[in-house]
């Protein structure tokens, strides 16, 4: 059911998930979920920078997590400026 949604995306995509999101059960494999979503995308659409934000809660308020997020988004934007 999710595949048609992800296949419609035709622009570069950065998929991120908070590593310690308090709203997601610990039993959820966040890295596995991101890998799955990337596989559902058209080839070359999902960025290799996609992944979990280390140490981040849902709102990404932790200083180290904020820095990681900002750096990753900046790298993504630089790679995809056309």
PDB file of N, CA and C in Angstrom:
ATOM      1  N   UNK A   1       0.816  -1.191   0.000  1.00  0.00           N
ATOM      2  CA  UNK A   1       0.000   0.000   0.000  1.00  0.00           C
ATOM      3  C   UNK A   1       0.868   1.268   0.000  1.00  0.00           C
ATOM      4  N   UNK A   2       1.998   1.262   0.682  1.00  0.00           N
ATOM      5  CA  UNK A   2       2.856   2.441   0.754  1.00  0.00           C
ATOM      6  C   UNK A   2       3.662   2.651  -0.526  1.00  0.00           C
ATOM      7  N   UNK A   3       3.886   1.591  -1.282  1.00  0.00           N
ATOM      8  CA  UNK A   3       4.730   1.693  -2.471  1.00  0.00           C
ATOM      9  C   UNK A   3       4.247   2.752  -3.459  1.00  0.00           C
ATOM     10  N   UNK A   4       2.946   2.823  -3.788  1.00  0.00           N
ATOM     11  CA  UNK A   4       2.521   3.852  -4.751  1.00  0.00           C
ATOM     12  C   UNK A   4       2.841   5.270  -4.282  1.00  0.00           C
ATOM     13  N   UNK A   5       2.747   5.507  -2.992  1.00  0.00           N
ATOM     14  CA  UNK A   5       3.074   6.834  -2.458  1.00  0.00           C
ATOM     15  C   UNK A   5       4.541   7.168  -2.721  1.00  0.00           C
ATOM     16  N   UNK A   6       5.436   6.277  -2.328  1.00  0.00           N
ATOM     17  CA  UNK A   6       6.867   6.527  -2.461  1.00  0.00           C
ATOM     18  C   UNK A   6       7.288   6.576  -3.925  1.00  0.00           C
ATOM     19  N   UNK A   7       6.670   5.790  -4.801  1.00  0.00           N
ATOM     20  CA  UNK A   7       7.033   5.773  -6.222  1.00  0.00           C
ATOM     21  C   UNK A   7       6.667   7.078  -6.922  1.00  0.00           C
ATOM     22  N   UNK A   8       5.705   7.835  -6.372  1.00  0.00           N
ATOM     23  CA  UNK A   8       5.298   9.108  -6.987  1.00  0.00           C
ATOM     24  C   UNK A   8       6.337  10.202  -6.793  1.00  0.00           C
ATOM     25  N   UNK A   9       7.171  10.074  -5.791  1.00  0.00           N
ATOM     26  CA  UNK A   9       8.182  11.104  -5.514  1.00  0.00           C
ATOM     27  C   UNK A   9       9.194  11.103  -6.649  1.00  0.00           C
ATOM     28  N   UNK A  10       9.388  12.285  -7.255  1.00  0.00           N
ATOM     29  CA  UNK A  10      10.304  12.364  -8.392  1.00  0.00           C
ATOM     30  C   UNK A  10      11.379  13.436  -8.223  1.00  0.00           C
ATOM     31  N   UNK A  11      11.523  13.920  -7.022  1.00  0.00           N
ATOM     32  CA  UNK A  11      12.572  14.890  -6.685  1.00  0.00           C
ATOM     33  C   UNK A  11      13.439  14.290  -5.586  1.00  0.00           C
ATOM     34  N   UNK A  12      14.676  14.771  -5.445  1.00  0.00           N
ATOM     35  CA  UNK A  12      15.548  14.248  -4.384  1.00  0.00           C
ATOM     36  C   UNK A  12      14.852  14.300  -3.025  1.00  0.00           C
ATOM     37  N   UNK A  13      15.058  13.247  -2.255  1.00  0.00           N
ATOM     38  CA  UNK A  13      14.349  13.078  -0.995  1.00  0.00           C
ATOM     39  C   UNK A  13      15.315  12.675   0.112  1.00  0.00           C
ATOM     40  N   UNK A  14      15.223  13.352   1.239  1.00  0.00           N
ATOM     41  CA  UNK A  14      16.005  13.023   2.423  1.00  0.00           C
ATOM     42  C   UNK A  14      15.047  12.471   3.465  1.00  0.00           C
ATOM     43  N   UNK A  15      15.223  11.206   3.837  1.00  0.00           N
ATOM     44  CA  UNK A  15      14.330  10.545   4.789  1.00  0.00           C
ATOM     45  C   UNK A  15      15.067  10.436   6.123  1.00  0.00           C
ATOM     46  N   UNK A  16      14.536  11.104   7.139  1.00  0.00           N
ATOM     47  CA  UNK A  16      15.163  11.094   8.461  1.00  0.00           C
ATOM     48  C   UNK A  16      14.161  10.672   9.526  1.00  0.00           C
ATOM     49  N   UNK A  17      14.664  10.025  10.540  1.00  0.00           N
ATOM     50  CA  UNK A  17      13.842   9.589  11.659  1.00  0.00           C
ATOM     51  C   UNK A  17      14.643   9.839  12.933  1.00  0.00           C
ATOM     52  N   UNK A  18      13.993  10.324  13.967  1.00  0.00           N
ATOM     53  CA  UNK A  18      14.670  10.555  15.240  1.00  0.00           C
ATOM     54  C   UNK A  18      15.046   9.224  15.878  1.00  0.00           C
ATOM     55  N   UNK A  19      16.296   9.092  16.256  1.00  0.00           N
ATOM     56  CA  UNK A  19      16.795   7.841  16.822  1.00  0.00           C
ATOM     57  C   UNK A  19      16.137   7.438  18.132  1.00  0.00           C
ATOM     58  N   UNK A  20      15.779   8.424  18.950  1.00  0.00           N
ATOM     59  CA  UNK A  20      15.158   8.139  20.250  1.00  0.00           C
ATOM     60  C   UNK A  20      13.762   8.761  20.335  1.00  0.00           C
ATOM     61  N   UNK A  21      13.019   8.691  19.249  1.00  0.00           N
ATOM     62  CA  UNK A  21      11.679   9.285  19.207  1.00  0.00           C
ATOM     63  C   UNK A  21      10.785   8.633  20.261  1.00  0.00           C
ATOM     64  N   UNK A  22      10.331   9.440  21.199  1.00  0.00           N
ATOM     65  CA  UNK A  22       9.542   8.917  22.313  1.00  0.00           C
ATOM     66  C   UNK A  22       8.129   8.489  21.912  1.00  0.00           C
ATOM     67  N   UNK A  23       7.715   8.812  20.689  1.00  0.00           N
ATOM     68  CA  UNK A  23       6.386   8.422  20.219  1.00  0.00           C
ATOM     69  C   UNK A  23       6.397   7.126  19.408  1.00  0.00           C
ATOM     70  N   UNK A  24       7.575   6.595  19.154  1.00  0.00           N
ATOM     71  CA  UNK A  24       7.715   5.357  18.379  1.00  0.00           C
ATOM     72  C   UNK A  24       8.179   4.248  19.325  1.00  0.00           C
ATOM     73  N   UNK A  25       7.490   3.121  19.343  1.00  0.00           N
ATOM     74  CA  UNK A  25       7.905   2.022  20.229  1.00  0.00           C
ATOM     75  C   UNK A  25       9.342   1.580  19.938  1.00  0.00           C
ATOM     76  N   UNK A  26      10.065   1.211  20.985  1.00  0.00           N
ATOM     77  CA  UNK A  26      11.452   0.759  20.822  1.00  0.00           C
ATOM     78  C   UNK A  26      11.548  -0.477  19.943  1.00  0.00           C
ATOM     79  N   UNK A  27      10.455  -1.216  19.824  1.00  0.00           N
ATOM     80  CA  UNK A  27      10.459  -2.424  18.998  1.00  0.00           C
ATOM     81  C   UNK A  27      10.527  -2.119  17.495  1.00  0.00           C
ATOM     82  N   UNK A  28      10.283  -0.864  17.113  1.00  0.00           N
ATOM     83  CA  UNK A  28      10.326  -0.488  15.703  1.00  0.00           C
ATOM     84  C   UNK A  28      11.781  -0.326  15.268  1.00  0.00           C
ATOM     85  N   UNK A  29      12.156  -1.011  14.213  1.00  0.00           N
ATOM     86  CA  UNK A  29      13.499  -0.898  13.632  1.00  0.00           C
ATOM     87  C   UNK A  29      13.505   0.327  12.718  1.00  0.00           C
ATOM     88  N   UNK A  30      13.907   1.466  13.272  1.00  0.00           N
ATOM     89  CA  UNK A  30      13.852   2.722  12.526  1.00  0.00           C
ATOM     90  C   UNK A  30      14.773   2.696  11.306  1.00  0.00           C
ATOM     91  N   UNK A  31      15.977   2.157  11.458  1.00  0.00           N
ATOM     92  CA  UNK A  31      16.888   2.063  10.317  1.00  0.00           C
ATOM     93  C   UNK A  31      16.313   1.134   9.244  1.00  0.00           C
ATOM     94  N   UNK A  32      15.720   0.035   9.671  1.00  0.00           N
ATOM     95  CA  UNK A  32      15.104  -0.893   8.734  1.00  0.00           C
ATOM     96  C   UNK A  32      13.935  -0.257   8.004  1.00  0.00           C
ATOM     97  N   UNK A  33      13.164   0.549   8.710  1.00  0.00           N
ATOM     98  CA  UNK A  33      12.040   1.238   8.110  1.00  0.00           C
ATOM     99  C   UNK A  33      12.518   2.229   7.050  1.00  0.00           C
ATOM    100  N   UNK A  34      13.562   2.971   7.361  1.00  0.00           N
ATOM    101  CA  UNK A  34      14.110   3.917   6.384  1.00  0.00           C
ATOM    102  C   UNK A  34      14.651   3.178   5.171  1.00  0.00           C
ATOM    103  N   UNK A  35      15.356   2.069   5.380  1.00  0.00           N
ATOM    104  CA  UNK A  35      15.840   1.270   4.243  1.00  0.00           C
ATOM    105  C   UNK A  35      14.673   0.821   3.367  1.00  0.00           C
ATOM    106  N   UNK A  36      13.607   0.376   4.004  1.00  0.00           N
ATOM    107  CA  UNK A  36      12.428  -0.080   3.266  1.00  0.00           C
ATOM    108  C   UNK A  36      11.823   1.065   2.451  1.00  0.00           C
ATOM    109  N   UNK A  37      11.651   2.233   3.066  1.00  0.00           N
ATOM    110  CA  UNK A  37      11.090   3.374   2.351  1.00  0.00           C
ATOM    111  C   UNK A  37      11.979   3.758   1.174  1.00  0.00           C
ATOM    112  N   UNK A  38      13.302   3.724   1.369  1.00  0.00           N
ATOM    113  CA  UNK A  38      14.223   4.036   0.272  1.00  0.00           C
ATOM    114  C   UNK A  38      14.060   3.053  -0.884  1.00  0.00           C
ATOM    115  N   UNK A  39      13.874   1.773  -0.546  1.00  0.00           N
ATOM    116  CA  UNK A  39      13.689   0.747  -1.582  1.00  0.00           C
ATOM    117  C   UNK A  39      12.397   0.954  -2.360  1.00  0.00           C
ATOM    118  N   UNK A  40      11.400   1.554  -1.739  1.00  0.00           N
ATOM    119  CA  UNK A  40      10.132   1.808  -2.409  1.00  0.00           C
ATOM    120  C   UNK A  40      10.203   2.987  -3.374  1.00  0.00           C
ATOM    121  N   UNK A  41      11.205   3.845  -3.200  1.00  0.00           N
ATOM    122  CA  UNK A  41      11.372   5.015  -4.069  1.00  0.00           C
ATOM    123  C   UNK A  41      11.922   4.605  -5.430  1.00  0.00           C
ATOM    124  N   UNK A  42      11.738   5.485  -6.389  1.00  0.00           N
ATOM    125  CA  UNK A  42      12.378   5.291  -7.683  1.00  0.00           C
ATOM    126  C   UNK A  42      13.894   5.294  -7.464  1.00  0.00           C
ATOM    127  N   UNK A  43      14.637   4.571  -8.280  1.00  0.00           N
ATOM    128  CA  UNK A  43      16.094   4.551  -8.122  1.00  0.00           C
ATOM    129  C   UNK A  43      16.697   5.958  -8.173  1.00  0.00           C
ATOM    130  N   UNK A  44      17.599   6.227  -7.245  1.00  0.00           N
ATOM    131  CA  UNK A  44      18.317   7.495  -7.230  1.00  0.00           C
ATOM    132  C   UNK A  44      17.573   8.657  -6.579  1.00  0.00           C
ATOM    133  N   UNK A  45      16.354   8.444  -6.108  1.00  0.00           N
ATOM    134  CA  UNK A  45      15.566   9.534  -5.515  1.00  0.00           C
ATOM    135  C   UNK A  45      15.910   9.734  -4.039  1.00  0.00           C
ATOM    136  N   UNK A  46      15.919   8.675  -3.256  1.00  0.00           N
ATOM    137  CA  UNK A  46      16.195   8.781  -1.819  1.00  0.00           C
ATOM    138  C   UNK A  46      17.692   8.958  -1.581  1.00  0.00           C
ATOM    139  N   UNK A  47      18.037   9.976  -0.846  1.00  0.00           N
ATOM    140  CA  UNK A  47      19.436  10.293  -0.571  1.00  0.00           C
ATOM    141  C   UNK A  47      20.115   9.225   0.279  1.00  0.00           C
ATOM    142  N   UNK A  48      21.382   9.009  -0.013  1.00  0.00           N
ATOM    143  CA  UNK A  48      22.195   8.113   0.811  1.00  0.00           C
ATOM    144  C   UNK A  48      22.442   8.708   2.199  1.00  0.00           C
ATOM    145  N   UNK A  49      22.136   9.987   2.363  1.00  0.00           N
ATOM    146  CA  UNK A  49      22.259  10.633   3.671  1.00  0.00           C
ATOM    147  C   UNK A  49      21.077  10.292   4.575  1.00  0.00           C
ATOM    148  N   UNK A  50      20.052   9.667   4.031  1.00  0.00           N
ATOM    149  CA  UNK A  50      18.873   9.296   4.811  1.00  0.00           C
ATOM    150  C   UNK A  50      19.271   8.360   5.945  1.00  0.00           C
ATOM    151  N   UNK A  51      18.593   8.480   7.086  1.00  0.00           N
ATOM    152  CA  UNK A  51      18.884   7.608   8.216  1.00  0.00           C
ATOM    153  C   UNK A  51      18.256   8.132   9.490  1.00  0.00           C
ATOM    154  N   UNK A  52      18.696   7.592  10.607  1.00  0.00           N
ATOM    155  CA  UNK A  52      18.183   8.041  11.898  1.00  0.00           C
ATOM    156  C   UNK A  52      19.095   9.128  12.466  1.00  0.00           C
ATOM    157  N   UNK A  53      18.482  10.066  13.130  1.00  0.00           N
ATOM    158  CA  UNK A  53      19.221  11.165  13.757  1.00  0.00           C
ATOM    159  C   UNK A  53      19.684  10.673  15.126  1.00  0.00           C
ATOM    160  N   UNK A  54      20.987  10.481  15.301  1.00  0.00           N
ATOM    161  CA  UNK A  54      21.500   9.910  16.548  1.00  0.00           C
ATOM    162  C   UNK A  54      21.126  10.738  17.778  1.00  0.00           C
ATOM    163  N   UNK A  55      20.575  10.061  18.783  1.00  0.00           N
ATOM    164  CA  UNK A  55      20.275  10.694  20.060  1.00  0.00           C
ATOM    165  C   UNK A  55      19.120  11.675  20.042  1.00  0.00           C
ATOM    166  N   UNK A  56      18.374  11.733  18.954  1.00  0.00           N
ATOM    167  CA  UNK A  56      17.310  12.731  18.832  1.00  0.00           C
ATOM    168  C   UNK A  56      15.980  12.221  19.353  1.00  0.00           C
ATOM    169  N   UNK A  57      15.318  13.070  20.134  1.00  0.00           N
ATOM    170  CA  UNK A  57      13.940  12.828  20.492  1.00  0.00           C
ATOM    171  C   UNK A  57      13.058  13.303  19.347  1.00  0.00           C
ATOM    172  N   UNK A  58      11.752  13.193  19.500  1.00  0.00           N
ATOM    173  CA  UNK A  58      10.821  13.549  18.438  1.00  0.00           C
ATOM    174  C   UNK A  58      11.034  14.969  17.916  1.00  0.00           C
ATOM    175  N   UNK A  59      11.294  15.900  18.809  1.00  0.00           N
ATOM    176  CA  UNK A  59      11.439  17.304  18.408  1.00  0.00           C
ATOM    177  C   UNK A  59      12.876  17.708  18.090  1.00  0.00           C
ATOM    178  N   UNK A  60      13.808  16.821  18.193  1.00  0.00           N
ATOM    179  CA  UNK A  60      15.232  17.069  17.906  1.00  0.00           C
ATOM    180  C   UNK A  60      15.712  18.316  18.654  1.00  0.00           C
ATOM    181  N   UNK A  61      15.608  18.275  19.967  1.00  0.00           N
ATOM    182  CA  UNK A  61      16.016  19.407  20.799  1.00  0.00           C
ATOM    183  C   UNK A  61      17.391  19.215  21.443  1.00  0.00           C
ATOM    184  N   UNK A  62      17.970  18.046  21.313  1.00  0.00           N
ATOM    185  CA  UNK A  62      19.276  17.759  21.903  1.00  0.00           C
ATOM    186  C   UNK A  62      20.356  18.442  21.055  1.00  0.00           C
ATOM    187  N   UNK A  63      21.281  19.176  21.687  1.00  0.00           N
ATOM    188  CA  UNK A  63      22.281  19.936  20.929  1.00  0.00           C
ATOM    189  C   UNK A  63      23.054  19.112  19.890  1.00  0.00           C
ATOM    190  N   UNK A  64      23.535  17.939  20.267  1.00  0.00           N
ATOM    191  CA  UNK A  64      24.280  17.122  19.314  1.00  0.00           C
ATOM    192  C   UNK A  64      23.410  16.647  18.164  1.00  0.00           C
ATOM    193  N   UNK A  65      22.177  16.299  18.466  1.00  0.00           N
ATOM    194  CA  UNK A  65      21.243  15.856  17.426  1.00  0.00           C
ATOM    195  C   UNK A  65      20.875  17.010  16.497  1.00  0.00           C
ATOM    196  N   UNK A  66      20.697  18.205  17.067  1.00  0.00           N
ATOM    197  CA  UNK A  66      20.402  19.383  16.240  1.00  0.00           C
ATOM    198  C   UNK A  66      21.540  19.653  15.264  1.00  0.00           C
ATOM    199  N   UNK A  67      22.762  19.571  15.772  1.00  0.00           N
ATOM    200  CA  UNK A  67      23.926  19.817  14.920  1.00  0.00           C
ATOM    201  C   UNK A  67      24.002  18.775  13.806  1.00  0.00           C
ATOM    202  N   UNK A  68      23.794  17.504  14.146  1.00  0.00           N
ATOM    203  CA  UNK A  68      23.821  16.430  13.147  1.00  0.00           C
ATOM    204  C   UNK A  68      22.749  16.686  12.090  1.00  0.00           C
ATOM    205  N   UNK A  69      21.543  17.050  12.520  1.00  0.00           N
ATOM    206  CA  UNK A  69      20.443  17.311  11.596  1.00  0.00           C
ATOM    207  C   UNK A  69      20.774  18.472  10.666  1.00  0.00           C
ATOM    208  N   UNK A  70      21.249  19.571  11.214  1.00  0.00           N
ATOM    209  CA  UNK A  70      21.593  20.737  10.390  1.00  0.00           C
ATOM    210  C   UNK A  70      22.687  20.411   9.381  1.00  0.00           C
ATOM    211  N   UNK A  71      23.723  19.718   9.820  1.00  0.00           N
ATOM    212  CA  UNK A  71      24.813  19.346   8.911  1.00  0.00           C
ATOM    213  C   UNK A  71      24.323  18.424   7.800  1.00  0.00           C
ATOM    214  N   UNK A  72      23.466  17.465   8.153  1.00  0.00           N
ATOM    215  CA  UNK A  72      22.966  16.509   7.169  1.00  0.00           C
ATOM    216  C   UNK A  72      22.057  17.196   6.156  1.00  0.00           C
ATOM    217  N   UNK A  73      21.176  18.063   6.619  1.00  0.00           N
ATOM    218  CA  UNK A  73      20.290  18.792   5.706  1.00  0.00           C
ATOM    219  C   UNK A  73      21.115  19.697   4.794  1.00  0.00           C
ATOM    220  N   UNK A  74      22.127  20.365   5.343  1.00  0.00           N
ATOM    221  CA  UNK A  74      22.983  21.229   4.523  1.00  0.00           C
ATOM    222  C   UNK A  74      23.701  20.417   3.447  1.00  0.00           C
ATOM    223  N   UNK A  75      24.245  19.255   3.795  1.00  0.00           N
ATOM    224  CA  UNK A  75      24.905  18.398   2.797  1.00  0.00           C
ATOM    225  C   UNK A  75      23.916  17.978   1.720  1.00  0.00           C
ATOM    226  N   UNK A  76      22.716  17.606   2.126  1.00  0.00           N
ATOM    227  CA  UNK A  76      21.678  17.210   1.168  1.00  0.00           C
ATOM    228  C   UNK A  76      21.358  18.346   0.203  1.00  0.00           C
ATOM    229  N   UNK A  77      21.178  19.546   0.738  1.00  0.00           N
ATOM    230  CA  UNK A  77      20.859  20.689  -0.115  1.00  0.00           C
ATOM    231  C   UNK A  77      21.991  21.011  -1.075  1.00  0.00           C
ATOM    232  N   UNK A  78      23.215  20.982  -0.578  1.00  0.00           N
ATOM    233  CA  UNK A  78      24.377  21.266  -1.435  1.00  0.00           C
ATOM    234  C   UNK A  78      24.471  20.229  -2.564  1.00  0.00           C
ATOM    235  N   UNK A  79      24.219  18.966  -2.250  1.00  0.00           N
ATOM    236  CA  UNK A  79      24.283  17.912  -3.259  1.00  0.00           C
ATOM    237  C   UNK A  79      23.189  18.049  -4.316  1.00  0.00           C
ATOM    238  N   UNK A  80      22.090  18.715  -3.967  1.00  0.00           N
ATOM    239  CA  UNK A  80      20.938  18.731  -4.852  1.00  0.00           C
ATOM    240  C   UNK A  80      20.601  20.090  -5.425  1.00  0.00           C
ATOM    241  N   UNK A  81      21.486  21.064  -5.254  1.00  0.00           N
ATOM    242  CA  UNK A  81      21.282  22.369  -5.890  1.00  0.00           C
ATOM    243  C   UNK A  81      21.540  22.198  -7.379  1.00  0.00           C
ATOM    244  N   UNK A  82      20.596  22.617  -8.142  1.00  0.00           N
ATOM    245  CA  UNK A  82      20.724  22.474  -9.611  1.00  0.00           C
ATOM    246  C   UNK A  82      20.673  23.845 -10.251  1.00  0.00           C
TER     247      UNK A  82
END
